[in-house]
């Protein structure tokens, strides 16, 4: 893909940068080991947080190919939705694939997101489930769809915010910059509205009402404490025992930032390696880190598990070759976790940012 040089360094060359951060990540508070009991049983985690790993769990029919997996979501029936970035020159190829609870292919759609597919979330509204999808690169758009892929509405850059270049909503191109719109993911609000994070563009979190109309925004570019450097993921944390709040994965600052529901900065959690997204289940918060692991935190935001940890190898000398070489991937280890979502039983699905695509299922055992 044609990216500005500075972006190639931040996306593809990040393993060579931030050595101090990599060292801090490798020295995290709890590193869990992987044990392989036999050819069919691969276990990660310990104690209450043990999972059986199935790498490359869903399989595509031969007429389709994986093209850099990005994000995942699960509907009430247990079906898994996977969005990949896709390629702009393959306009008829779908970007969204659906698999049943056994990993069998169900359907595919979303060719309109080819070359920029990124974020995907599911919400039930008045008894019907809907997909919220966003796309970056040359597309610069976000949409609400039904579960079969039919569009309810589609939107472009919120020009009312005053942070975007002229015509960014009318003539989107692949141009990058802090005055450009490059949305990466969603979080849902109790009033029917939602948050949309502009993770590669202006670095703002935008608030929309239930009709998809822009309301306000907070954030912008900076080094932390309310400002962002690649605010890639966003989630509303409503775990029991906590005041509802917004958590933003401030990826290039290697932190999680917390805000109240009005967007006022609260605190920063450190010790992460390019955290990409967040989601909750019961008392757990899951954070996939592009620096080769998946972290689980309890309701006190204490780390209780780090799964598939391959931080030292992937961030070490020569680690930048691992992403593109399937032969170097190790069972029970992650390369670049980009998104993770919970199933109803607390199992996890993990999508990795690799060109050939990889989606793993971590079946919860305890």
Protein backbone atom coordinates (compact mmCIF):
# COMPACT_ATOMS: atom_id res chain seq x y z
CA UNK A 1 0.00 0.00 0.00
CA UNK A 2 1.10 3.56 -0.63
CA UNK A 3 1.65 5.15 2.75
CA UNK A 4 3.61 8.27 3.70
CA UNK A 5 7.06 7.32 4.91
CA UNK A 6 6.39 8.44 8.48
CA UNK A 7 3.42 6.11 8.62
CA UNK A 8 5.33 3.12 7.35
CA UNK A 9 7.68 3.63 10.24
CA UNK A 10 4.91 3.85 12.80
CA UNK A 11 2.98 0.83 11.52
CA UNK A 12 5.64 -1.45 10.07
CA UNK A 13 8.75 -0.24 11.77
CA UNK A 14 7.38 0.07 15.28
CA UNK A 15 9.23 -3.04 16.44
CA UNK A 16 12.51 -1.22 15.96
CA UNK A 17 11.32 1.81 17.91
CA UNK A 18 10.54 2.43 21.56
CA UNK A 19 13.19 0.15 23.04
CA UNK A 20 12.59 1.49 26.52
CA UNK A 21 8.90 0.72 26.23
CA UNK A 22 9.60 -2.80 25.00
CA UNK A 23 11.78 -3.40 28.04
CA UNK A 24 9.06 -2.15 30.35
CA UNK A 25 6.49 -4.35 28.62
CA UNK A 26 8.68 -7.42 28.94
CA UNK A 27 8.98 -6.75 32.65
CA UNK A 28 5.21 -6.64 33.23
CA UNK A 29 3.73 -7.65 36.59
CA UNK A 30 2.63 -11.13 35.55
CA UNK A 31 3.84 -13.31 32.70
CA UNK A 32 2.01 -16.58 32.21
CA UNK A 33 3.53 -19.61 30.61
CA UNK A 34 2.17 -21.79 27.85
CA UNK A 35 2.13 -25.57 28.09
CA UNK A 36 1.34 -27.94 25.26
CA UNK A 37 -0.22 -31.14 26.64
CA UNK A 38 -0.64 -32.89 23.29
CA UNK A 39 -1.12 -32.13 19.60
CA UNK A 40 -4.77 -31.19 20.11
CA UNK A 41 -4.59 -29.36 23.42
CA UNK A 42 -2.68 -26.12 23.73
CA UNK A 43 -3.26 -24.28 27.00
CA UNK A 44 -2.34 -20.71 27.95
CA UNK A 45 -2.86 -19.03 31.30
CA UNK A 46 -3.09 -20.20 34.88
CA UNK A 47 -5.61 -20.48 37.71
CA UNK A 48 -8.95 -18.86 36.94
CA UNK A 49 -7.73 -17.68 33.54
CA UNK A 50 -6.88 -20.75 31.52
CA UNK A 51 -7.72 -21.04 27.82
CA UNK A 52 -7.39 -23.71 25.16
CA UNK A 53 -5.91 -22.12 22.03
CA UNK A 54 -7.07 -22.84 18.49
CA UNK A 55 -5.00 -20.78 16.05
CA UNK A 56 -6.51 -20.03 12.63
CA UNK A 57 -9.83 -21.24 13.99
CA UNK A 58 -12.26 -20.09 11.25
CA UNK A 59 -11.59 -21.25 7.71
CA UNK A 60 -12.54 -19.42 4.53
CA UNK A 61 -13.93 -21.07 1.40
CA UNK A 62 -11.39 -21.30 -1.40
CA UNK A 63 -12.86 -18.40 -3.37
CA UNK A 64 -11.87 -15.95 -0.60
CA UNK A 65 -8.57 -14.98 0.96
CA UNK A 66 -7.50 -13.33 4.21
CA UNK A 67 -6.04 -9.88 3.60
CA UNK A 68 -4.72 -8.52 6.92
CA UNK A 69 -7.23 -9.27 9.67
CA UNK A 70 -8.20 -6.31 11.80
CA UNK A 71 -11.19 -6.62 14.15
CA UNK A 72 -13.74 -9.13 15.45
CA UNK A 73 -17.22 -9.09 17.04
CA UNK A 74 -19.74 -11.71 18.22
CA UNK A 75 -23.55 -11.57 17.92
CA UNK A 76 -26.12 -13.01 20.35
CA UNK A 77 -26.27 -16.28 18.42
CA UNK A 78 -22.53 -16.77 18.90
CA UNK A 79 -21.60 -16.01 15.30
CA UNK A 80 -18.20 -14.41 14.75
CA UNK A 81 -17.78 -11.39 12.44
CA UNK A 82 -14.26 -10.70 11.12
CA UNK A 83 -13.29 -7.60 9.18
CA UNK A 84 -10.05 -7.32 7.26
CA UNK A 85 -8.45 -4.34 5.62
CA UNK A 86 -8.70 -5.81 2.17
CA UNK A 87 -7.19 -4.41 -1.00
CA UNK A 88 -8.51 -1.49 -2.99
CA UNK A 89 -7.77 -3.25 -6.28
CA UNK A 90 -10.04 -6.18 -5.33
CA UNK A 91 -13.28 -4.24 -5.21
CA UNK A 92 -15.54 -7.27 -5.59
CA UNK A 93 -13.95 -9.21 -2.73
CA UNK A 94 -15.83 -8.96 0.61
CA UNK A 95 -14.12 -7.43 3.63
CA UNK A 96 -16.40 -8.98 6.30
CA UNK A 97 -16.74 -12.71 6.94
CA UNK A 98 -19.20 -14.45 9.26
CA UNK A 99 -18.65 -17.82 10.97
CA UNK A 100 -20.98 -19.92 13.12
CA UNK A 101 -20.10 -20.98 16.70
CA UNK A 102 -18.21 -23.99 15.32
CA UNK A 103 -16.07 -21.85 13.02
CA UNK A 104 -17.91 -22.79 9.83
CA UNK A 105 -18.29 -20.14 7.15
CA UNK A 106 -21.78 -18.57 6.97
CA UNK A 107 -21.62 -15.57 4.63
CA UNK A 108 -19.48 -12.69 3.40
CA UNK A 109 -20.22 -9.09 2.46
CA UNK A 110 -18.82 -5.57 2.76
CA UNK A 111 -16.91 -5.12 -0.49
CA UNK A 112 -17.49 -1.37 -0.08
CA UNK A 113 -14.89 -1.45 2.73
CA UNK A 114 -12.15 -3.05 0.64
CA UNK A 115 -8.82 -1.32 1.08
CA UNK A 116 -9.69 0.23 4.44
CA UNK A 117 -11.81 -2.11 6.57
CA UNK A 118 -10.94 -1.68 10.24
CA UNK A 119 -13.36 -1.46 13.19
CA UNK A 120 -16.45 -3.61 13.75
CA UNK A 121 -18.84 -3.79 16.73
CA UNK A 122 -22.35 -5.18 17.30
CA UNK A 123 -25.19 -3.62 19.29
CA UNK A 124 -28.78 -4.67 19.89
CA UNK A 125 -31.32 -1.90 19.38
CA UNK A 126 -35.04 -2.53 20.03
CA UNK A 127 -34.59 -6.26 19.63
CA UNK A 128 -32.51 -6.12 16.44
CA UNK A 129 -28.73 -6.39 16.20
CA UNK A 130 -26.69 -4.03 14.04
CA UNK A 131 -23.10 -3.85 12.88
CA UNK A 132 -21.13 -0.64 13.23
CA UNK A 133 -18.23 -0.62 10.77
CA UNK A 134 -15.52 1.92 10.05
CA UNK A 135 -12.87 2.13 7.36
CA UNK A 136 -9.74 4.23 7.02
CA UNK A 137 -7.13 4.66 4.20
CA UNK A 138 -8.77 6.07 1.05
CA UNK A 139 -12.32 5.33 2.29
CA UNK A 140 -12.54 7.44 5.49
CA UNK A 141 -16.05 6.38 6.37
CA UNK A 142 -18.24 4.62 8.95
CA UNK A 143 -21.59 2.93 8.66
CA UNK A 144 -24.43 1.14 10.43
CA UNK A 145 -25.48 -2.16 8.83
CA UNK A 146 -27.82 -5.01 9.63
CA UNK A 147 -26.25 -8.42 10.21
CA UNK A 148 -26.62 -9.33 6.54
CA UNK A 149 -24.69 -6.27 5.44
CA UNK A 150 -27.52 -3.97 4.32
CA UNK A 151 -26.72 -0.33 5.12
CA UNK A 152 -28.92 1.69 7.46
CA UNK A 153 -26.76 4.80 7.06
CA UNK A 154 -23.23 5.78 6.08
CA UNK A 155 -21.25 8.81 7.26
CA UNK A 156 -18.00 10.61 6.54
CA UNK A 157 -15.83 13.14 8.40
CA UNK A 158 -17.73 15.28 10.94
CA UNK A 159 -16.94 18.72 9.56
CA UNK A 160 -18.92 20.36 12.40
CA UNK A 161 -16.04 19.49 14.71
CA UNK A 162 -13.83 22.07 13.00
CA UNK A 163 -10.76 19.81 13.01
CA UNK A 164 -10.71 18.56 9.40
CA UNK A 165 -9.41 19.89 6.09
CA UNK A 166 -11.87 21.29 3.57
CA UNK A 167 -13.80 18.64 1.61
CA UNK A 168 -12.50 15.81 3.81
CA UNK A 169 -16.12 14.57 3.98
CA UNK A 170 -16.92 15.06 0.27
CA UNK A 171 -13.71 14.00 -1.46
CA UNK A 172 -11.91 11.56 0.81
CA UNK A 173 -8.49 10.47 -0.40
CA UNK A 174 -5.70 8.41 1.09
CA UNK A 175 -3.95 11.49 2.47
CA UNK A 176 -2.77 11.26 6.09
CA UNK A 177 -2.38 13.99 8.68
CA UNK A 178 -3.81 15.55 11.84
CA UNK A 179 -6.45 17.34 9.76
CA UNK A 180 -7.61 14.09 8.12
CA UNK A 181 -10.31 11.57 9.10
CA UNK A 182 -9.16 7.97 9.69
CA UNK A 183 -11.67 6.25 12.03
CA UNK A 184 -10.65 3.04 13.78
CA UNK A 185 -13.37 1.89 16.24
CA UNK A 186 -16.57 2.44 18.23
CA UNK A 187 -17.95 2.33 21.77
CA UNK A 188 -21.64 2.40 22.65
CA UNK A 189 -23.50 4.80 24.99
CA UNK A 190 -26.57 4.07 27.11
CA UNK A 191 -28.61 6.82 25.40
CA UNK A 192 -28.35 5.01 22.05
CA UNK A 193 -25.48 7.14 20.85
CA UNK A 194 -21.90 6.04 20.34
CA UNK A 195 -18.28 7.13 20.40
CA UNK A 196 -16.07 6.95 17.30
CA UNK A 197 -12.32 7.25 17.66
CA UNK A 198 -10.26 8.83 14.88
CA UNK A 199 -7.18 6.75 15.53
CA UNK A 200 -5.04 7.57 12.49
CA UNK A 201 -6.29 11.05 11.61
CA UNK A 202 -6.97 13.97 13.95
CA UNK A 203 -6.66 11.80 17.12
CA UNK A 204 -10.07 12.86 18.51
CA UNK A 205 -12.85 10.84 20.10
CA UNK A 206 -16.18 11.90 18.58
CA UNK A 207 -19.58 11.57 20.25
CA UNK A 208 -22.67 10.86 18.12
CA UNK A 209 -26.35 10.61 18.98
CA UNK A 210 -28.54 7.57 18.26
CA UNK A 211 -29.32 8.85 14.76
CA UNK A 212 -25.65 9.00 13.88
CA UNK A 213 -25.45 12.79 14.12
CA UNK A 214 -22.29 14.41 15.52
CA UNK A 215 -22.54 15.96 19.01
CA UNK A 216 -19.06 16.77 20.35
CA UNK A 217 -15.46 15.56 20.63
CA UNK A 218 -12.49 15.46 22.98
CA UNK A 219 -8.78 14.71 22.76
CA UNK A 220 -6.46 15.71 19.96
CA UNK A 221 -2.77 15.06 19.39
CA UNK A 222 -0.38 15.02 22.34
CA UNK A 223 1.74 12.99 24.74
CA UNK A 224 -0.98 11.98 27.21
CA UNK A 225 -3.25 13.18 30.03
CA UNK A 226 -6.17 13.85 27.72
CA UNK A 227 -4.20 14.06 24.48
CA UNK A 228 -3.35 11.13 22.21
CA UNK A 229 -0.86 9.59 19.84
CA UNK A 230 -2.84 7.07 17.78
CA UNK A 231 -5.95 6.60 19.96
CA UNK A 232 -6.72 3.31 18.30
CA UNK A 233 -9.44 1.69 20.44
CA UNK A 234 -12.23 2.94 22.70
CA UNK A 235 -14.63 1.24 25.13
CA UNK A 236 -17.16 2.18 27.81
CA UNK A 237 -16.09 0.42 31.01
CA UNK A 238 -19.19 -0.43 33.09
CA UNK A 239 -17.81 -3.30 35.15
CA UNK A 240 -19.45 -3.80 38.55
CA UNK A 241 -17.80 -1.82 41.32
CA UNK A 242 -16.51 0.87 38.96
CA UNK A 243 -17.94 4.23 37.99
CA UNK A 244 -18.87 4.06 34.28
CA UNK A 245 -16.03 5.60 32.28
CA UNK A 246 -14.42 5.72 28.85
CA UNK A 247 -11.15 3.89 28.24
CA UNK A 248 -9.04 4.85 25.21
CA UNK A 249 -6.16 2.71 23.96
CA UNK A 250 -3.56 5.41 23.34
CA UNK A 251 -1.47 3.12 21.22
CA UNK A 252 1.69 5.03 20.30
CA UNK A 253 1.93 6.41 23.87
CA UNK A 254 1.75 2.77 25.07
CA UNK A 255 -0.98 3.56 27.62
CA UNK A 256 -4.66 3.26 28.47
CA UNK A 257 -6.30 6.58 29.29
CA UNK A 258 -9.50 6.83 31.34
CA UNK A 259 -12.12 9.60 31.02
CA UNK A 260 -15.46 10.27 32.69
CA UNK A 261 -18.57 9.98 30.54
CA UNK A 262 -18.29 13.64 29.59
CA UNK A 263 -14.76 13.21 28.25
CA UNK A 264 -12.88 14.66 31.24
CA UNK A 265 -9.47 13.07 31.73
CA UNK A 266 -9.16 10.87 34.84
CA UNK A 267 -6.04 8.69 34.82
CA UNK A 268 -3.46 6.79 32.79
CA UNK A 269 -2.51 3.11 33.00
CA UNK A 270 1.03 2.37 31.83
CA UNK A 271 3.06 -0.72 30.98
CA UNK A 272 1.55 -1.72 27.63
CA UNK A 273 3.11 -2.34 24.23
CA UNK A 274 1.02 -0.64 21.54
CA UNK A 275 -2.41 -1.43 23.08
CA UNK A 276 -4.85 -1.65 20.20
CA UNK A 277 -8.38 -2.20 21.57
CA UNK A 278 -10.38 -3.02 24.70
CA UNK A 279 -13.52 -4.91 25.69
CA UNK A 280 -15.10 -6.13 28.93
CA UNK A 281 -16.78 -9.32 30.18
CA UNK A 282 -18.00 -9.59 33.77
CA UNK A 283 -15.11 -8.22 35.86
CA UNK A 284 -12.47 -8.56 33.12
CA UNK A 285 -11.03 -6.04 30.68
CA UNK A 286 -9.12 -7.50 27.72
CA UNK A 287 -6.41 -5.49 25.96
CA UNK A 288 -4.73 -6.91 22.84
CA UNK A 289 -1.25 -5.46 22.43
CA UNK A 290 0.49 -5.33 19.07
CA UNK A 291 3.67 -6.07 21.01
CA UNK A 292 2.80 -9.75 21.03
CA UNK A 293 0.43 -10.52 23.90
CA UNK A 294 -3.14 -10.24 25.22
CA UNK A 295 -3.61 -8.77 28.71
CA UNK A 296 -6.51 -9.35 31.12
CA UNK A 297 -7.26 -6.94 33.98
CA UNK A 298 -9.70 -7.31 36.88
CA UNK A 299 -12.20 -4.69 38.07
CA UNK A 300 -9.40 -2.92 39.98
CA UNK A 301 -7.43 -2.77 36.73
CA UNK A 302 -4.84 -5.13 38.15
CA UNK A 303 -3.20 -7.41 35.58
CA UNK A 304 -4.39 -10.98 36.20
CA UNK A 305 -3.13 -12.67 33.02
CA UNK A 306 -0.93 -12.08 30.03
CA UNK A 307 -1.65 -14.60 27.31
CA UNK A 308 0.47 -15.76 24.39
CA UNK A 309 3.37 -13.55 25.47
CA UNK A 310 6.11 -13.39 22.82
CA UNK A 311 7.18 -9.82 23.58
CA UNK A 312 10.92 -10.43 23.90
CA UNK A 313 11.19 -12.25 20.59
CA UNK A 314 8.88 -10.03 18.52
CA UNK A 315 10.30 -6.75 19.82
CA UNK A 316 13.90 -7.97 19.84
CA UNK A 317 16.57 -7.84 17.19
CA UNK A 318 15.23 -9.27 13.95
CA UNK A 319 11.69 -9.41 15.33
CA UNK A 320 10.39 -7.22 12.53
CA UNK A 321 10.64 -10.20 10.16
CA UNK A 322 8.29 -12.39 12.20
CA UNK A 323 5.07 -10.69 11.12
CA UNK A 324 5.52 -11.70 7.50
CA UNK A 325 6.95 -15.18 8.03
CA UNK A 326 4.35 -17.74 9.10
CA UNK A 327 7.11 -20.30 9.70
CA UNK A 328 8.36 -18.17 12.59
CA UNK A 329 5.03 -18.10 14.42
CA UNK A 330 4.94 -20.32 17.50
CA UNK A 331 1.99 -22.28 18.88
CA UNK A 332 0.47 -20.58 21.90
CA UNK A 333 2.23 -17.32 21.10
CA UNK A 334 0.88 -14.17 19.47
CA UNK A 335 2.59 -12.02 16.88
CA UNK A 336 0.54 -8.80 16.64
CA UNK A 337 -2.86 -8.97 18.43
CA UNK A 338 -4.94 -6.14 16.97
CA UNK A 339 -8.37 -6.88 18.45
CA UNK A 340 -9.99 -9.28 20.91
CA UNK A 341 -13.61 -9.85 21.85
CA UNK A 342 -15.38 -12.06 24.36
CA UNK A 343 -17.90 -14.78 23.60
CA UNK A 344 -20.87 -15.16 25.98
CA UNK A 345 -19.01 -17.79 28.03
CA UNK A 346 -15.88 -15.70 28.46
CA UNK A 347 -13.93 -17.35 25.66
CA UNK A 348 -11.86 -15.00 23.52
CA UNK A 349 -11.42 -14.39 19.81
CA UNK A 350 -8.17 -12.68 18.83
CA UNK A 351 -7.48 -11.11 15.43
CA UNK A 352 -3.87 -10.37 14.54
CA UNK A 353 -2.49 -7.69 12.24
CA UNK A 354 -0.69 -10.00 9.81
CA UNK A 355 -0.89 -9.96 6.03
CA UNK A 356 -2.08 -13.55 5.69
CA UNK A 357 -4.64 -13.06 8.44
CA UNK A 358 -4.96 -15.00 11.68
CA UNK A 359 -7.94 -15.36 14.01
CA UNK A 360 -7.49 -17.53 17.10
CA UNK A 361 -10.13 -18.83 19.48
CA UNK A 362 -9.17 -19.07 23.15
CA UNK A 363 -11.76 -21.36 24.73
CA UNK A 364 -12.20 -20.53 28.39
CA UNK A 365 -11.54 -23.56 30.62
CA UNK A 366 -12.00 -22.17 34.13
